[in-house]
C-alpha atoms as a PDB file:
ATOM      1  CA  UNK A   1     -22.593   1.628  32.709  1.00  0.00           C
ATOM      2  CA  UNK A   2     -21.856   4.444  30.593  1.00  0.00           C
ATOM      3  CA  UNK A   3     -20.531   3.394  26.985  1.00  0.00           C
ATOM      4  CA  UNK A   4     -17.269   4.608  25.658  1.00  0.00           C
ATOM      5  CA  UNK A   5     -18.110   6.566  22.475  1.00  0.00           C
ATOM      6  CA  UNK A   6     -14.951   7.989  20.160  1.00  0.00           C
ATOM      7  CA  UNK A   7     -15.328  11.565  19.414  1.00  0.00           C
ATOM      8  CA  UNK A   8     -13.208  11.176  16.107  1.00  0.00           C
ATOM      9  CA  UNK A   9     -14.780   7.504  15.128  1.00  0.00           C
ATOM     10  CA  UNK A  10     -15.646   9.587  11.473  1.00  0.00           C
ATOM     11  CA  UNK A  11     -12.312  10.966  11.140  1.00  0.00           C
ATOM     12  CA  UNK A  12     -10.655   7.202  11.635  1.00  0.00           C
ATOM     13  CA  UNK A  13     -13.414   6.116   9.605  1.00  0.00           C
ATOM     14  CA  UNK A  14     -12.353   8.748   6.446  1.00  0.00           C
ATOM     15  CA  UNK A  15      -8.343   7.839   7.136  1.00  0.00           C
ATOM     16  CA  UNK A  16      -9.047   4.064   7.144  1.00  0.00           C
ATOM     17  CA  UNK A  17     -10.995   4.509   4.003  1.00  0.00           C
ATOM     18  CA  UNK A  18      -8.070   6.833   2.437  1.00  0.00           C
ATOM     19  CA  UNK A  19      -5.522   4.098   3.429  1.00  0.00           C
ATOM     20  CA  UNK A  20      -7.566   1.850   1.565  1.00  0.00           C
ATOM     21  CA  UNK A  21      -7.992   3.874  -1.353  1.00  0.00           C
ATOM     22  CA  UNK A  22      -4.084   4.438  -1.293  1.00  0.00           C
ATOM     23  CA  UNK A  23      -4.126   0.277  -1.466  1.00  0.00           C
ATOM     24  CA  UNK A  24      -5.597  -0.179  -4.485  1.00  0.00           C
ATOM     25  CA  UNK A  25      -3.836   3.087  -5.597  1.00  0.00           C
ATOM     26  CA  UNK A  26      -0.114   1.499  -5.179  1.00  0.00           C
ATOM     27  CA  UNK A  27      -1.612  -1.988  -6.016  1.00  0.00           C
ATOM     28  CA  UNK A  28      -2.161  -0.632  -9.587  1.00  0.00           C
ATOM     29  CA  UNK A  29       1.085   1.092  -9.739  1.00  0.00           C
ATOM     30  CA  UNK A  30       3.127  -2.152  -8.923  1.00  0.00           C
ATOM     31  CA  UNK A  31       0.666  -4.068 -11.744  1.00  0.00           C
ATOM     32  CA  UNK A  32       1.478  -1.488 -14.350  1.00  0.00           C
ATOM     33  CA  UNK A  33       5.120  -1.472 -13.437  1.00  0.00           C
ATOM     34  CA  UNK A  34       5.391  -5.156 -13.815  1.00  0.00           C
ATOM     35  CA  UNK A  35       3.549  -5.492 -16.785  1.00  0.00           C
ATOM     36  CA  UNK A  36       5.734  -3.211 -18.284  1.00  0.00           C
ATOM     37  CA  UNK A  37       8.577  -5.397 -17.229  1.00  0.00           C
ATOM     38  CA  UNK A  38       6.964  -8.218 -18.447  1.00  0.00           C
ATOM     39  CA  UNK A  39       6.364  -6.204 -21.981  1.00  0.00           C
ATOM     40  CA  UNK A  40      10.238  -5.202 -22.144  1.00  0.00           C
ATOM     41  CA  UNK A  41      11.326  -9.257 -21.123  1.00  0.00           C
ATOM     42  CA  UNK A  42       9.188 -10.596 -24.012  1.00  0.00           C
ATOM     43  CA  UNK A  43      10.600  -7.599 -26.619  1.00  0.00           C
ATOM     44  CA  UNK A  44      13.661  -8.784 -25.640  1.00  0.00           C
ATOM     45  CA  UNK A  45      13.134 -12.286 -26.190  1.00  0.00           C
ATOM     46  CA  UNK A  46      11.690 -11.385 -29.879  1.00  0.00           C
ATOM     47  CA  UNK A  47      14.460  -9.061 -30.681  1.00  0.00           C
ATOM     48  CA  UNK A  48      17.124 -12.292 -30.055  1.00  0.00           C
ATOM     49  CA  UNK A  49      14.759 -14.564 -31.998  1.00  0.00           C
ATOM     50  CA  UNK A  50      15.198 -11.810 -34.850  1.00  0.00           C
ATOM     51  CA  UNK A  51      19.178 -11.580 -34.537  1.00  0.00           C
ATOM     52  CA  UNK A  52      19.343 -15.996 -34.213  1.00  0.00           C
ATOM     53  CA  UNK A  53      17.333 -15.605 -37.418  1.00  0.00           C
ATOM     54  CA  UNK A  54      19.180 -12.657 -39.149  1.00  0.00           C
ATOM     55  CA  UNK A  55      22.506 -14.435 -38.200  1.00  0.00           C
ATOM     56  CA  UNK A  56      21.062 -18.043 -40.197  1.00  0.00           C
ATOM     57  CA  UNK A  57      20.830 -15.663 -43.180  1.00  0.00           C
ATOM     58  CA  UNK A  58      23.954 -14.211 -43.360  1.00  0.00           C
ATOM     59  CA  UNK A  59      25.531 -16.862 -45.983  1.00  0.00           C
ATOM     60  CA  UNK A  60      22.302 -16.622 -48.090  1.00  0.00           C
ATOM     61  CA  UNK A  61      22.682 -13.668 -50.490  1.00  0.00           C
ATOM     62  CA  UNK A  62      20.026 -11.006 -49.924  1.00  0.00           C
ATOM     63  CA  UNK A  63      19.173  -7.477 -51.346  1.00  0.00           C
ATOM     64  CA  UNK A  64      19.862  -4.235 -50.106  1.00  0.00           C
ATOM     65  CA  UNK A  65      16.099  -3.474 -49.558  1.00  0.00           C
ATOM     66  CA  UNK A  66      15.959  -6.791 -47.345  1.00  0.00           C
ATOM     67  CA  UNK A  67      19.390  -5.455 -45.661  1.00  0.00           C
ATOM     68  CA  UNK A  68      17.382  -2.030 -44.978  1.00  0.00           C
ATOM     69  CA  UNK A  69      14.644  -3.778 -43.651  1.00  0.00           C
ATOM     70  CA  UNK A  70      16.533  -6.000 -41.288  1.00  0.00           C
ATOM     71  CA  UNK A  71      18.311  -2.821 -39.815  1.00  0.00           C
ATOM     72  CA  UNK A  72      15.163  -0.613 -39.698  1.00  0.00           C
ATOM     73  CA  UNK A  73      13.499  -3.313 -37.992  1.00  0.00           C
ATOM     74  CA  UNK A  74      16.395  -3.633 -36.030  1.00  0.00           C
ATOM     75  CA  UNK A  75      16.674  -0.216 -35.234  1.00  0.00           C
ATOM     76  CA  UNK A  76      12.863   0.045 -34.155  1.00  0.00           C
ATOM     77  CA  UNK A  77      13.294  -2.696 -31.939  1.00  0.00           C
ATOM     78  CA  UNK A  78      16.135  -1.235 -29.750  1.00  0.00           C
ATOM     79  CA  UNK A  79      14.468   1.956 -29.811  1.00  0.00           C
ATOM     80  CA  UNK A  80      11.471   0.514 -28.223  1.00  0.00           C
ATOM     81  CA  UNK A  81      13.600  -1.307 -25.731  1.00  0.00           C
ATOM     82  CA  UNK A  82      15.210   1.490 -24.532  1.00  0.00           C
ATOM     83  CA  UNK A  83      12.066   3.523 -24.590  1.00  0.00           C
ATOM     84  CA  UNK A  84      10.486   0.291 -22.182  1.00  0.00           C
ATOM     85  CA  UNK A  85      13.130   0.591 -20.240  1.00  0.00           C
ATOM     86  CA  UNK A  86      12.745   4.346 -19.570  1.00  0.00           C
ATOM     87  CA  UNK A  87       9.273   3.920 -19.196  1.00  0.00           C
ATOM     88  CA  UNK A  88       9.927   1.197 -16.584  1.00  0.00           C
ATOM     89  CA  UNK A  89      12.254   3.885 -14.204  1.00  0.00           C
ATOM     90  CA  UNK A  90       9.252   5.924 -14.399  1.00  0.00           C
ATOM     91  CA  UNK A  91       6.716   3.547 -13.276  1.00  0.00           C
ATOM     92  CA  UNK A  92       9.449   2.122 -10.558  1.00  0.00           C
ATOM     93  CA  UNK A  93       9.569   5.871  -9.374  1.00  0.00           C
ATOM     94  CA  UNK A  94       5.389   6.163  -9.295  1.00  0.00           C
ATOM     95  CA  UNK A  95       5.410   2.811  -7.693  1.00  0.00           C
ATOM     96  CA  UNK A  96       7.671   4.207  -4.998  1.00  0.00           C
ATOM     97  CA  UNK A  97       6.063   7.395  -4.482  1.00  0.00           C
ATOM     98  CA  UNK A  98       2.538   5.503  -4.118  1.00  0.00           C
ATOM     99  CA  UNK A  99       4.057   3.165  -1.506  1.00  0.00           C
ATOM    100  CA  UNK A 100       5.550   6.120   0.269  1.00  0.00           C
ATOM    101  CA  UNK A 101       2.109   7.664   0.417  1.00  0.00           C
ATOM    102  CA  UNK A 102       0.338   4.634   1.316  1.00  0.00           C
ATOM    103  CA  UNK A 103       2.606   3.915   4.217  1.00  0.00           C
ATOM    104  CA  UNK A 104       1.829   7.904   5.345  1.00  0.00           C
ATOM    105  CA  UNK A 105      -1.744   7.120   5.339  1.00  0.00           C
ATOM    106  CA  UNK A 106      -1.567   3.987   7.256  1.00  0.00           C
ATOM    107  CA  UNK A 107       0.860   5.796  10.096  1.00  0.00           C
ATOM    108  CA  UNK A 108      -2.191   8.472  10.133  1.00  0.00           C
ATOM    109  CA  UNK A 109      -4.905   5.874  10.891  1.00  0.00           C
ATOM    110  CA  UNK A 110      -2.653   4.121  13.171  1.00  0.00           C
ATOM    111  CA  UNK A 111      -2.201   7.514  14.945  1.00  0.00           C
ATOM    112  CA  UNK A 112      -5.816   8.205  15.377  1.00  0.00           C
ATOM    113  CA  UNK A 113      -6.110   4.190  16.536  1.00  0.00           C
ATOM    114  CA  UNK A 114      -3.915   4.539  19.231  1.00  0.00           C
ATOM    115  CA  UNK A 115      -5.538   7.708  20.558  1.00  0.00           C
ATOM    116  CA  UNK A 116      -8.855   5.792  20.390  1.00  0.00           C
ATOM    117  CA  UNK A 117      -7.426   2.824  22.207  1.00  0.00           C
ATOM    118  CA  UNK A 118      -6.009   5.456  24.600  1.00  0.00           C
ATOM    119  CA  UNK A 119      -9.336   7.340  25.669  1.00  0.00           C
ATOM    120  CA  UNK A 120     -10.683   3.895  25.987  1.00  0.00           C
ATOM    121  CA  UNK A 121      -8.342   2.822  28.091  1.00  0.00           C
ATOM    122  CA  UNK A 122      -8.489   6.096  30.338  1.00  0.00           C
ATOM    123  CA  UNK A 123     -12.793   5.792  30.190  1.00  0.00           C
ATOM    124  CA  UNK A 124     -12.268   2.053  31.235  1.00  0.00           C
ATOM    125  CA  UNK A 125     -10.257   3.591  34.241  1.00  0.00           C
ATOM    126  CA  UNK A 126     -12.730   6.356  35.155  1.00  0.00           C
ATOM    127  CA  UNK A 127     -15.452   3.552  35.188  1.00  0.00           C
ATOM    128  CA  UNK A 128     -13.184   1.348  37.438  1.00  0.00           C
ATOM    129  CA  UNK A 129     -12.680   4.120  39.739  1.00  0.00           C
ATOM    130  CA  UNK A 130     -16.129   5.467  39.866  1.00  0.00           C
ATOM    131  CA  UNK A 131     -17.088   1.437  40.761  1.00  0.00           C
ATOM    132  CA  UNK A 132     -14.551   1.157  43.375  1.00  0.00           C
ATOM    133  CA  UNK A 133     -15.686   4.264  44.911  1.00  0.00           C
ATOM    134  CA  UNK A 134     -19.464   3.337  44.918  1.00  0.00           C
ATOM    135  CA  UNK A 135     -18.286  -0.403  46.457  1.00  0.00           C
ATOM    136  CA  UNK A 136     -15.976   1.362  48.997  1.00  0.00           C
ATOM    137  CA  UNK A 137     -19.224   3.892  50.002  1.00  0.00           C
ATOM    138  CA  UNK A 138     -21.367   0.838  50.249  1.00  0.00           C
ATOM    139  CA  UNK A 139     -19.139  -0.893  52.748  1.00  0.00           C
ATOM    140  CA  UNK A 140     -18.594   1.900  55.056  1.00  0.00           C
ATOM    141  CA  UNK A 141     -22.584   2.675  55.265  1.00  0.00           C
ATOM    142  CA  UNK A 142     -23.202  -0.993  55.788  1.00  0.00           C
ATOM    143  CA  UNK A 143     -20.181  -0.891  58.424  1.00  0.00           C
ATOM    144  CA  UNK A 144     -21.689   1.735  59.824  1.00  0.00           C
ATOM    145  CA  UNK A 145     -25.056   0.307  59.639  1.00  0.00           C
ATOM    146  CA  UNK A 146     -24.138  -2.771  61.132  1.00  0.00           C
ATOM    147  CA  UNK A 147     -21.640  -0.959  64.331  1.00  0.00           C
ATOM    148  CA  UNK A 148     -25.091   1.269  64.931  1.00  0.00           C
ATOM    149  CA  UNK A 149     -27.358  -1.649  65.254  1.00  0.00           C
ATOM    150  CA  UNK A 150     -25.109  -3.387  68.013  1.00  0.00           C
END
């Protein structure tokens, strides 16, 4: 019996490989987004700690230099928070873009797999039809031989 050979097998393998690459890229983008979110959360916690420390120092006398230092540091923390938030938005958009590319790669691979399944099913139907035809011919020949020998 003939064996089924999918002519586009190499292309199917390429599509599967590309899908795996897109999965890796998407995973890296998700990882970057999560690490940025974690850094932003840590920054907010640190800023809250600094604010609580400053509120404890309200009753004490502070020099203008200390006040300027605290103000600059708070401005830096706010700026880092805003920049981190914007970076998180950009990373979110990049993750979404990579997810869309991954979905397209998966769809392309599925199309070729479906094509392979359809061609294999057609091949098996042809083989089955050929075998039935051969067995019918054998049965007819046997019937004719028995009939002729009587």
